[in-house]
Amino acid sequence: MEILNLREAPKVPFNRDGHILCSNKNIQIVHLVLKPGEIIDKHVNENDVIFHILEGKALLYTNDSHALVSKDDCIMVEGGISRGFENVSVADFKVLLIKFMA
């Protein structure tokens, strides 16, 4: 068993407030925080990802569509599909990413 506290978890390797809670050959779990108005530009990821919204509201962009997502929503995005977020709330947007490593 391995226990890792969010405050002690390694930072993500890009310029965001994110921490890697778990990473192995099968799965990666990331806790990510976006400040109000902060955007993650659309990008393609080859891995399937589940997003579990912990706090706040954001627009989730995929390919040519978008949806408003908020606390307690859980969204599955298949690999190869473009995705991005825009925090549209006045509070922090917190999301847990569960990435299935292919």
PDB file of N, CA and C in Angstrom:
ATOM      1  N   MET A   1       0.852  -1.170   0.000  1.00  0.00           N
ATOM      2  CA  MET A   1       0.000   0.000   0.000  1.00  0.00           C
ATOM      3  C   MET A   1       0.898   1.234   0.000  1.00  0.00           C
ATOM      4  N   GLU A   2       0.454   2.251  -0.751  1.00  0.00           N
ATOM      5  CA  GLU A   2       1.181   3.512  -0.783  1.00  0.00           C
ATOM      6  C   GLU A   2       0.182   4.645  -0.573  1.00  0.00           C
ATOM      7  N   ILE A   3       0.477   5.531   0.365  1.00  0.00           N
ATOM      8  CA  ILE A   3      -0.383   6.686   0.635  1.00  0.00           C
ATOM      9  C   ILE A   3       0.402   7.936   0.287  1.00  0.00           C
ATOM     10  N   LEU A   4      -0.220   8.809  -0.529  1.00  0.00           N
ATOM     11  CA  LEU A   4       0.421  10.044  -0.943  1.00  0.00           C
ATOM     12  C   LEU A   4      -0.545  11.202  -0.711  1.00  0.00           C
ATOM     13  N   ASN A   5      -0.125  12.162   0.091  1.00  0.00           N
ATOM     14  CA  ASN A   5      -0.942  13.329   0.371  1.00  0.00           C
ATOM     15  C   ASN A   5      -0.806  14.330  -0.771  1.00  0.00           C
ATOM     16  N   LEU A   6      -1.895  15.003  -1.120  1.00  0.00           N
ATOM     17  CA  LEU A   6      -1.898  15.967  -2.220  1.00  0.00           C
ATOM     18  C   LEU A   6      -0.776  16.998  -2.075  1.00  0.00           C
ATOM     19  N   ARG A   7      -0.559  17.513  -0.880  1.00  0.00           N
ATOM     20  CA  ARG A   7       0.465  18.537  -0.667  1.00  0.00           C
ATOM     21  C   ARG A   7       1.886  18.013  -0.895  1.00  0.00           C
ATOM     22  N   GLU A   8       2.038  16.696  -0.822  1.00  0.00           N
ATOM     23  CA  GLU A   8       3.360  16.090  -1.004  1.00  0.00           C
ATOM     24  C   GLU A   8       3.543  15.484  -2.389  1.00  0.00           C
ATOM     25  N   ALA A   9       2.496  15.454  -3.192  1.00  0.00           N
ATOM     26  CA  ALA A   9       2.545  14.832  -4.513  1.00  0.00           C
ATOM     27  C   ALA A   9       3.378  15.672  -5.477  1.00  0.00           C
ATOM     28  N   PRO A  10       4.072  15.024  -6.411  1.00  0.00           N
ATOM     29  CA  PRO A  10       4.881  15.778  -7.373  1.00  0.00           C
ATOM     30  C   PRO A  10       4.022  16.670  -8.270  1.00  0.00           C
ATOM     31  N   LYS A  11       4.584  17.824  -8.644  1.00  0.00           N
ATOM     32  CA  LYS A  11       3.896  18.762  -9.531  1.00  0.00           C
ATOM     33  C   LYS A  11       3.837  18.182 -10.946  1.00  0.00           C
ATOM     34  N   VAL A  12       2.827  18.603 -11.697  1.00  0.00           N
ATOM     35  CA  VAL A  12       2.735  18.226 -13.108  1.00  0.00           C
ATOM     36  C   VAL A  12       3.871  18.904 -13.873  1.00  0.00           C
ATOM     37  N   PRO A  13       4.314  18.311 -14.987  1.00  0.00           N
ATOM     38  CA  PRO A  13       5.463  18.866 -15.712  1.00  0.00           C
ATOM     39  C   PRO A  13       5.088  19.979 -16.698  1.00  0.00           C
ATOM     40  N   PHE A  14       4.053  20.739 -16.387  1.00  0.00           N
ATOM     41  CA  PHE A  14       3.671  21.875 -17.218  1.00  0.00           C
ATOM     42  C   PHE A  14       3.180  22.980 -16.292  1.00  0.00           C
ATOM     43  N   ASN A  15       2.982  24.172 -16.816  1.00  0.00           N
ATOM     44  CA  ASN A  15       2.714  25.360 -16.012  1.00  0.00           C
ATOM     45  C   ASN A  15       1.257  25.421 -15.556  1.00  0.00           C
ATOM     46  N   ARG A  16       0.884  24.568 -14.618  1.00  0.00           N
ATOM     47  CA  ARG A  16      -0.457  24.528 -14.030  1.00  0.00           C
ATOM     48  C   ARG A  16      -0.341  24.144 -12.567  1.00  0.00           C
ATOM     49  N   ASP A  17      -1.407  24.444 -11.817  1.00  0.00           N
ATOM     50  CA  ASP A  17      -1.481  24.032 -10.423  1.00  0.00           C
ATOM     51  C   ASP A  17      -2.022  22.607 -10.405  1.00  0.00           C
ATOM     52  N   GLY A  18      -1.131  21.656 -10.556  1.00  0.00           N
ATOM     53  CA  GLY A  18      -1.533  20.261 -10.611  1.00  0.00           C
ATOM     54  C   GLY A  18      -0.521  19.371  -9.926  1.00  0.00           C
ATOM     55  N   HIS A  19      -1.020  18.254  -9.401  1.00  0.00           N
ATOM     56  CA  HIS A  19      -0.168  17.290  -8.716  1.00  0.00           C
ATOM     57  C   HIS A  19      -0.512  15.876  -9.179  1.00  0.00           C
ATOM     58  N   ILE A  20       0.524  15.079  -9.364  1.00  0.00           N
ATOM     59  CA  ILE A  20       0.361  13.688  -9.787  1.00  0.00           C
ATOM     60  C   ILE A  20       0.228  12.834  -8.534  1.00  0.00           C
ATOM     61  N   LEU A  21      -0.968  12.282  -8.348  1.00  0.00           N
ATOM     62  CA  LEU A  21      -1.243  11.471  -7.157  1.00  0.00           C
ATOM     63  C   LEU A  21      -0.838  10.018  -7.340  1.00  0.00           C
ATOM     64  N   CYS A  22      -0.856   9.557  -8.580  1.00  0.00           N
ATOM     65  CA  CYS A  22      -0.518   8.163  -8.868  1.00  0.00           C
ATOM     66  C   CYS A  22      -0.051   8.091 -10.319  1.00  0.00           C
ATOM     67  N   SER A  23       0.983   7.320 -10.560  1.00  0.00           N
ATOM     68  CA  SER A  23       1.442   7.133 -11.930  1.00  0.00           C
ATOM     69  C   SER A  23       2.163   5.805 -12.039  1.00  0.00           C
ATOM     70  N   ASN A  24       1.653   4.965 -12.930  1.00  0.00           N
ATOM     71  CA  ASN A  24       2.324   3.708 -13.224  1.00  0.00           C
ATOM     72  C   ASN A  24       2.058   3.351 -14.684  1.00  0.00           C
ATOM     73  N   LYS A  25       2.377   2.146 -15.090  1.00  0.00           N
ATOM     74  CA  LYS A  25       2.238   1.785 -16.505  1.00  0.00           C
ATOM     75  C   LYS A  25       0.780   1.706 -16.958  1.00  0.00           C
ATOM     76  N   ASN A  26      -0.177   1.627 -16.034  1.00  0.00           N
ATOM     77  CA  ASN A  26      -1.581   1.450 -16.389  1.00  0.00           C
ATOM     78  C   ASN A  26      -2.440   2.697 -16.234  1.00  0.00           C
ATOM     79  N   ILE A  27      -2.092   3.560 -15.276  1.00  0.00           N
ATOM     80  CA  ILE A  27      -2.981   4.669 -14.924  1.00  0.00           C
ATOM     81  C   ILE A  27      -2.173   5.850 -14.396  1.00  0.00           C
ATOM     82  N   GLN A  28      -2.726   7.035 -14.603  1.00  0.00           N
ATOM     83  CA  GLN A  28      -2.161   8.233 -13.988  1.00  0.00           C
ATOM     84  C   GLN A  28      -3.329   9.036 -13.418  1.00  0.00           C
ATOM     85  N   ILE A  29      -3.201   9.465 -12.171  1.00  0.00           N
ATOM     86  CA  ILE A  29      -4.244  10.259 -11.522  1.00  0.00           C
ATOM     87  C   ILE A  29      -3.641  11.618 -11.167  1.00  0.00           C
ATOM     88  N   VAL A  30      -4.316  12.683 -11.638  1.00  0.00           N
ATOM     89  CA  VAL A  30      -3.817  14.040 -11.461  1.00  0.00           C
ATOM     90  C   VAL A  30      -4.910  14.901 -10.840  1.00  0.00           C
ATOM     91  N   HIS A  31      -4.536  15.673  -9.831  1.00  0.00           N
ATOM     92  CA  HIS A  31      -5.428  16.665  -9.236  1.00  0.00           C
ATOM     93  C   HIS A  31      -5.035  18.005  -9.844  1.00  0.00           C
ATOM     94  N   LEU A  32      -5.993  18.695 -10.481  1.00  0.00           N
ATOM     95  CA  LEU A  32      -5.706  19.921 -11.201  1.00  0.00           C
ATOM     96  C   LEU A  32      -6.622  21.041 -10.726  1.00  0.00           C
ATOM     97  N   VAL A  33      -6.070  22.245 -10.569  1.00  0.00           N
ATOM     98  CA  VAL A  33      -6.831  23.425 -10.147  1.00  0.00           C
ATOM     99  C   VAL A  33      -6.655  24.514 -11.195  1.00  0.00           C
ATOM    100  N   LEU A  34      -7.784  25.076 -11.653  1.00  0.00           N
ATOM    101  CA  LEU A  34      -7.759  26.231 -12.546  1.00  0.00           C
ATOM    102  C   LEU A  34      -8.354  27.419 -11.809  1.00  0.00           C
ATOM    103  N   LYS A  35      -7.669  28.533 -11.837  1.00  0.00           N
ATOM    104  CA  LYS A  35      -8.168  29.778 -11.247  1.00  0.00           C
ATOM    105  C   LYS A  35      -9.277  30.336 -12.135  1.00  0.00           C
ATOM    106  N   PRO A  36     -10.130  31.233 -11.598  1.00  0.00           N
ATOM    107  CA  PRO A  36     -11.183  31.834 -12.417  1.00  0.00           C
ATOM    108  C   PRO A  36     -10.615  32.438 -13.707  1.00  0.00           C
ATOM    109  N   GLY A  37     -11.237  32.091 -14.832  1.00  0.00           N
ATOM    110  CA  GLY A  37     -10.803  32.580 -16.137  1.00  0.00           C
ATOM    111  C   GLY A  37      -9.649  31.817 -16.757  1.00  0.00           C
ATOM    112  N   GLU A  38      -9.011  30.929 -16.018  1.00  0.00           N
ATOM    113  CA  GLU A  38      -7.868  30.178 -16.542  1.00  0.00           C
ATOM    114  C   GLU A  38      -8.334  29.158 -17.578  1.00  0.00           C
ATOM    115  N   ILE A  39      -7.507  28.943 -18.584  1.00  0.00           N
ATOM    116  CA  ILE A  39      -7.856  28.081 -19.714  1.00  0.00           C
ATOM    117  C   ILE A  39      -6.759  27.044 -19.945  1.00  0.00           C
ATOM    118  N   ILE A  40      -7.171  25.830 -20.247  1.00  0.00           N
ATOM    119  CA  ILE A  40      -6.276  24.821 -20.804  1.00  0.00           C
ATOM    120  C   ILE A  40      -6.705  24.680 -22.258  1.00  0.00           C
ATOM    121  N   ASP A  41      -5.847  25.103 -23.166  1.00  0.00           N
ATOM    122  CA  ASP A  41      -6.186  25.043 -24.585  1.00  0.00           C
ATOM    123  C   ASP A  41      -6.486  23.617 -25.016  1.00  0.00           C
ATOM    124  N   LYS A  42      -7.351  23.511 -26.031  1.00  0.00           N
ATOM    125  CA  LYS A  42      -7.665  22.184 -26.560  1.00  0.00           C
ATOM    126  C   LYS A  42      -6.391  21.516 -27.069  1.00  0.00           C
ATOM    127  N   HIS A  43      -6.294  20.250 -26.762  1.00  0.00           N
ATOM    128  CA  HIS A  43      -5.155  19.446 -27.176  1.00  0.00           C
ATOM    129  C   HIS A  43      -5.623  18.006 -27.338  1.00  0.00           C
ATOM    130  N   VAL A  44      -4.926  17.253 -28.141  1.00  0.00           N
ATOM    131  CA  VAL A  44      -5.264  15.843 -28.348  1.00  0.00           C
ATOM    132  C   VAL A  44      -4.402  15.001 -27.424  1.00  0.00           C
ATOM    133  N   ASN A  45      -5.043  14.072 -26.749  1.00  0.00           N
ATOM    134  CA  ASN A  45      -4.346  13.112 -25.912  1.00  0.00           C
ATOM    135  C   ASN A  45      -4.758  11.735 -26.402  1.00  0.00           C
ATOM    136  N   GLU A  46      -3.802  10.857 -26.596  1.00  0.00           N
ATOM    137  CA  GLU A  46      -4.096   9.526 -27.144  1.00  0.00           C
ATOM    138  C   GLU A  46      -4.701   8.578 -26.114  1.00  0.00           C
ATOM    139  N   ASN A  47      -4.741   9.004 -24.851  1.00  0.00           N
ATOM    140  CA  ASN A  47      -5.249   8.139 -23.794  1.00  0.00           C
ATOM    141  C   ASN A  47      -6.693   8.464 -23.448  1.00  0.00           C
ATOM    142  N   ASP A  48      -7.466   7.430 -23.080  1.00  0.00           N
ATOM    143  CA  ASP A  48      -8.790   7.648 -22.507  1.00  0.00           C
ATOM    144  C   ASP A  48      -8.618   8.335 -21.158  1.00  0.00           C
ATOM    145  N   VAL A  49      -9.520   9.287 -20.861  1.00  0.00           N
ATOM    146  CA  VAL A  49      -9.441  10.025 -19.605  1.00  0.00           C
ATOM    147  C   VAL A  49     -10.831  10.142 -19.000  1.00  0.00           C
ATOM    148  N   ILE A  50     -10.886   9.997 -17.680  1.00  0.00           N
ATOM    149  CA  ILE A  50     -12.101  10.297 -16.927  1.00  0.00           C
ATOM    150  C   ILE A  50     -11.810  11.559 -16.132  1.00  0.00           C
ATOM    151  N   PHE A  51     -12.724  12.532 -16.209  1.00  0.00           N
ATOM    152  CA  PHE A  51     -12.627  13.754 -15.428  1.00  0.00           C
ATOM    153  C   PHE A  51     -13.714  13.716 -14.361  1.00  0.00           C
ATOM    154  N   HIS A  52     -13.338  13.832 -13.102  1.00  0.00           N
ATOM    155  CA  HIS A  52     -14.316  13.925 -12.016  1.00  0.00           C
ATOM    156  C   HIS A  52     -14.197  15.328 -11.436  1.00  0.00           C
ATOM    157  N   ILE A  53     -15.276  16.120 -11.558  1.00  0.00           N
ATOM    158  CA  ILE A  53     -15.249  17.498 -11.118  1.00  0.00           C
ATOM    159  C   ILE A  53     -15.455  17.545  -9.608  1.00  0.00           C
ATOM    160  N   LEU A  54     -14.498  18.143  -8.906  1.00  0.00           N
ATOM    161  CA  LEU A  54     -14.538  18.224  -7.452  1.00  0.00           C
ATOM    162  C   LEU A  54     -15.156  19.525  -6.957  1.00  0.00           C
ATOM    163  N   GLU A  55     -14.863  20.645  -7.653  1.00  0.00           N
ATOM    164  CA  GLU A  55     -15.388  21.954  -7.264  1.00  0.00           C
ATOM    165  C   GLU A  55     -15.459  22.864  -8.478  1.00  0.00           C
ATOM    166  N   GLY A  56     -16.412  23.790  -8.459  1.00  0.00           N
ATOM    167  CA  GLY A  56     -16.488  24.829  -9.474  1.00  0.00           C
ATOM    168  C   GLY A  56     -17.233  24.419 -10.731  1.00  0.00           C
ATOM    169  N   LYS A  57     -17.138  25.306 -11.739  1.00  0.00           N
ATOM    170  CA  LYS A  57     -17.772  25.095 -13.040  1.00  0.00           C
ATOM    171  C   LYS A  57     -16.770  25.451 -14.124  1.00  0.00           C
ATOM    172  N   ALA A  58     -16.855  24.735 -15.231  1.00  0.00           N
ATOM    173  CA  ALA A  58     -15.970  25.022 -16.360  1.00  0.00           C
ATOM    174  C   ALA A  58     -16.647  24.568 -17.643  1.00  0.00           C
ATOM    175  N   LEU A  59     -16.186  25.148 -18.733  1.00  0.00           N
ATOM    176  CA  LEU A  59     -16.568  24.639 -20.039  1.00  0.00           C
ATOM    177  C   LEU A  59     -15.543  23.598 -20.433  1.00  0.00           C
ATOM    178  N   LEU A  60     -16.023  22.435 -20.824  1.00  0.00           N
ATOM    179  CA  LEU A  60     -15.161  21.373 -21.346  1.00  0.00           C
ATOM    180  C   LEU A  60     -15.350  21.361 -22.852  1.00  0.00           C
ATOM    181  N   TYR A  61     -14.276  21.605 -23.566  1.00  0.00           N
ATOM    182  CA  TYR A  61     -14.308  21.612 -25.027  1.00  0.00           C
ATOM    183  C   TYR A  61     -13.772  20.277 -25.538  1.00  0.00           C
ATOM    184  N   THR A  62     -14.501  19.669 -26.479  1.00  0.00           N
ATOM    185  CA  THR A  62     -14.034  18.460 -27.149  1.00  0.00           C
ATOM    186  C   THR A  62     -14.314  18.600 -28.631  1.00  0.00           C
ATOM    187  N   ASN A  63     -13.323  18.311 -29.450  1.00  0.00           N
ATOM    188  CA  ASN A  63     -13.443  18.470 -30.903  1.00  0.00           C
ATOM    189  C   ASN A  63     -14.198  19.748 -31.241  1.00  0.00           C
ATOM    190  N   ASP A  64     -15.416  19.665 -31.779  1.00  0.00           N
ATOM    191  CA  ASP A  64     -16.171  20.852 -32.178  1.00  0.00           C
ATOM    192  C   ASP A  64     -17.355  21.142 -31.267  1.00  0.00           C
ATOM    193  N   SER A  65     -17.356  20.619 -30.045  1.00  0.00           N
ATOM    194  CA  SER A  65     -18.480  20.872 -29.141  1.00  0.00           C
ATOM    195  C   SER A  65     -17.951  21.293 -27.767  1.00  0.00           C
ATOM    196  N   HIS A  66     -18.881  21.693 -26.906  1.00  0.00           N
ATOM    197  CA  HIS A  66     -18.511  22.049 -25.540  1.00  0.00           C
ATOM    198  C   HIS A  66     -19.705  21.780 -24.617  1.00  0.00           C
ATOM    199  N   ALA A  67     -19.410  21.657 -23.329  1.00  0.00           N
ATOM    200  CA  ALA A  67     -20.444  21.412 -22.317  1.00  0.00           C
ATOM    201  C   ALA A  67     -20.020  22.073 -21.021  1.00  0.00           C
ATOM    202  N   LEU A  68     -21.006  22.592 -20.292  1.00  0.00           N
ATOM    203  CA  LEU A  68     -20.757  23.134 -18.963  1.00  0.00           C
ATOM    204  C   LEU A  68     -20.722  21.965 -17.993  1.00  0.00           C
ATOM    205  N   VAL A  69     -19.628  21.850 -17.243  1.00  0.00           N
ATOM    206  CA  VAL A  69     -19.488  20.784 -16.264  1.00  0.00           C
ATOM    207  C   VAL A  69     -19.321  21.414 -14.891  1.00  0.00           C
ATOM    208  N   SER A  70     -19.806  20.715 -13.864  1.00  0.00           N
ATOM    209  CA  SER A  70     -19.738  21.263 -12.517  1.00  0.00           C
ATOM    210  C   SER A  70     -19.565  20.147 -11.497  1.00  0.00           C
ATOM    211  N   LYS A  71     -19.475  20.554 -10.234  1.00  0.00           N
ATOM    212  CA  LYS A  71     -19.202  19.639  -9.124  1.00  0.00           C
ATOM    213  C   LYS A  71     -20.025  18.359  -9.229  1.00  0.00           C
ATOM    214  N   ASP A  72     -19.334  17.254  -9.009  1.00  0.00           N
ATOM    215  CA  ASP A  72     -19.876  15.894  -8.988  1.00  0.00           C
ATOM    216  C   ASP A  72     -20.121  15.304 -10.369  1.00  0.00           C
ATOM    217  N   ASP A  73     -19.872  16.058 -11.457  1.00  0.00           N
ATOM    218  CA  ASP A  73     -19.967  15.477 -12.798  1.00  0.00           C
ATOM    219  C   ASP A  73     -18.778  14.567 -13.032  1.00  0.00           C
ATOM    220  N   CYS A  74     -19.001  13.530 -13.816  1.00  0.00           N
ATOM    221  CA  CYS A  74     -17.952  12.603 -14.205  1.00  0.00           C
ATOM    222  C   CYS A  74     -18.058  12.425 -15.716  1.00  0.00           C
ATOM    223  N   ILE A  75     -16.972  12.699 -16.436  1.00  0.00           N
ATOM    224  CA  ILE A  75     -16.994  12.714 -17.884  1.00  0.00           C
ATOM    225  C   ILE A  75     -15.900  11.794 -18.414  1.00  0.00           C
ATOM    226  N   MET A  76     -16.249  10.956 -19.391  1.00  0.00           N
ATOM    227  CA  MET A  76     -15.286  10.086 -20.051  1.00  0.00           C
ATOM    228  C   MET A  76     -15.003  10.665 -21.431  1.00  0.00           C
ATOM    229  N   VAL A  77     -13.719  10.871 -21.743  1.00  0.00           N
ATOM    230  CA  VAL A  77     -13.315  11.328 -23.069  1.00  0.00           C
ATOM    231  C   VAL A  77     -12.345  10.291 -23.625  1.00  0.00           C
ATOM    232  N   GLU A  78     -12.680   9.768 -24.784  1.00  0.00           N
ATOM    233  CA  GLU A  78     -11.851   8.733 -25.396  1.00  0.00           C
ATOM    234  C   GLU A  78     -10.554   9.310 -25.942  1.00  0.00           C
ATOM    235  N   GLY A  79      -9.549   8.467 -26.020  1.00  0.00           N
ATOM    236  CA  GLY A  79      -8.271   8.864 -26.581  1.00  0.00           C
ATOM    237  C   GLY A  79      -8.423   9.314 -28.027  1.00  0.00           C
ATOM    238  N   GLY A  80      -7.563  10.239 -28.441  1.00  0.00           N
ATOM    239  CA  GLY A  80      -7.586  10.745 -29.802  1.00  0.00           C
ATOM    240  C   GLY A  80      -8.547  11.897 -30.024  1.00  0.00           C
ATOM    241  N   ILE A  81      -9.325  12.242 -29.001  1.00  0.00           N
ATOM    242  CA  ILE A  81     -10.281  13.342 -29.089  1.00  0.00           C
ATOM    243  C   ILE A  81      -9.675  14.580 -28.429  1.00  0.00           C
ATOM    244  N   SER A  82      -9.796  15.708 -29.107  1.00  0.00           N
ATOM    245  CA  SER A  82      -9.307  16.971 -28.562  1.00  0.00           C
ATOM    246  C   SER A  82     -10.121  17.348 -27.333  1.00  0.00           C
ATOM    247  N   ARG A  83      -9.426  17.915 -26.311  1.00  0.00           N
ATOM    248  CA  ARG A  83     -10.117  18.345 -25.097  1.00  0.00           C
ATOM    249  C   ARG A  83      -9.406  19.540 -24.483  1.00  0.00           C
ATOM    250  N   GLY A  84     -10.183  20.377 -23.786  1.00  0.00           N
ATOM    251  CA  GLY A  84      -9.642  21.548 -23.100  1.00  0.00           C
ATOM    252  C   GLY A  84     -10.677  22.073 -22.115  1.00  0.00           C
ATOM    253  N   PHE A  85     -10.235  22.894 -21.164  1.00  0.00           N
ATOM    254  CA  PHE A  85     -11.114  23.448 -20.136  1.00  0.00           C
ATOM    255  C   PHE A  85     -10.986  24.956 -20.077  1.00  0.00           C
ATOM    256  N   GLU A  86     -12.084  25.619 -19.689  1.00  0.00           N
ATOM    257  CA  GLU A  86     -12.070  27.036 -19.365  1.00  0.00           C
ATOM    258  C   GLU A  86     -12.880  27.225 -18.092  1.00  0.00           C
ATOM    259  N   ASN A  87     -12.228  27.723 -17.038  1.00  0.00           N
ATOM    260  CA  ASN A  87     -12.929  27.978 -15.780  1.00  0.00           C
ATOM    261  C   ASN A  87     -13.800  29.221 -15.976  1.00  0.00           C
ATOM    262  N   VAL A  88     -15.108  29.031 -15.949  1.00  0.00           N
ATOM    263  CA  VAL A  88     -16.054  30.131 -16.171  1.00  0.00           C
ATOM    264  C   VAL A  88     -16.702  30.593 -14.868  1.00  0.00           C
ATOM    265  N   SER A  89     -16.208  30.099 -13.744  1.00  0.00           N
ATOM    266  CA  SER A  89     -16.787  30.478 -12.457  1.00  0.00           C
ATOM    267  C   SER A  89     -15.912  31.520 -11.769  1.00  0.00           C
ATOM    268  N   VAL A  90     -16.398  32.039 -10.660  1.00  0.00           N
ATOM    269  CA  VAL A  90     -15.653  33.038  -9.887  1.00  0.00           C
ATOM    270  C   VAL A  90     -14.810  32.383  -8.793  1.00  0.00           C
ATOM    271  N   ALA A  91     -14.828  31.075  -8.757  1.00  0.00           N
ATOM    272  CA  ALA A  91     -14.063  30.313  -7.768  1.00  0.00           C
ATOM    273  C   ALA A  91     -13.114  29.362  -8.497  1.00  0.00           C
ATOM    274  N   ASP A  92     -12.242  28.726  -7.738  1.00  0.00           N
ATOM    275  CA  ASP A  92     -11.352  27.730  -8.321  1.00  0.00           C
ATOM    276  C   ASP A  92     -12.163  26.567  -8.894  1.00  0.00           C
ATOM    277  N   PHE A  93     -11.640  26.003  -9.973  1.00  0.00           N
ATOM    278  CA  PHE A  93     -12.201  24.797 -10.583  1.00  0.00           C
ATOM    279  C   PHE A  93     -11.222  23.676 -10.281  1.00  0.00           C
ATOM    280  N   LYS A  94     -11.701  22.639  -9.601  1.00  0.00           N
ATOM    281  CA  LYS A  94     -10.844  21.516  -9.227  1.00  0.00           C
ATOM    282  C   LYS A  94     -11.365  20.251  -9.885  1.00  0.00           C
ATOM    283  N   VAL A  95     -10.456  19.528 -10.509  1.00  0.00           N
ATOM    284  CA  VAL A  95     -10.841  18.318 -11.241  1.00  0.00           C
ATOM    285  C   VAL A  95      -9.798  17.225 -10.983  1.00  0.00           C
ATOM    286  N   LEU A  96     -10.296  16.010 -10.900  1.00  0.00           N
ATOM    287  CA  LEU A  96      -9.443  14.837 -10.779  1.00  0.00           C
ATOM    288  C   LEU A  96      -9.428  14.159 -12.146  1.00  0.00           C
ATOM    289  N   LEU A  97      -8.238  14.007 -12.733  1.00  0.00           N
ATOM    290  CA  LEU A  97      -8.073  13.353 -14.025  1.00  0.00           C
ATOM    291  C   LEU A  97      -7.601  11.935 -13.792  1.00  0.00           C
ATOM    292  N   ILE A  98      -8.261  10.995 -14.399  1.00  0.00           N
ATOM    293  CA  ILE A  98      -7.852   9.607 -14.339  1.00  0.00           C
ATOM    294  C   ILE A  98      -7.531   9.186 -15.760  1.00  0.00           C
ATOM    295  N   LYS A  99      -6.254   9.070 -16.058  1.00  0.00           N
ATOM    296  CA  LYS A  99      -5.794   8.776 -17.413  1.00  0.00           C
ATOM    297  C   LYS A  99      -5.365   7.311 -17.506  1.00  0.00           C
ATOM    298  N   PHE A 100      -5.950   6.598 -18.466  1.00  0.00           N
ATOM    299  CA  PHE A 100      -5.617   5.206 -18.696  1.00  0.00           C
ATOM    300  C   PHE A 100      -4.460   5.143 -19.694  1.00  0.00           C
ATOM    301  N   MET A 101      -3.340   4.660 -19.244  1.00  0.00           N
ATOM    302  CA  MET A 101      -2.147   4.620 -20.080  1.00  0.00           C
ATOM    303  C   MET A 101      -2.262   3.451 -21.066  1.00  0.00           C
ATOM    304  N   ALA A 102      -2.083   3.752 -22.334  1.00  0.00           N
ATOM    305  CA  ALA A 102      -2.217   2.713 -23.369  1.00  0.00           C
ATOM    306  C   ALA A 102      -0.880   2.114 -23.709  1.00  0.00           C
TER     307      ALA A 102
END
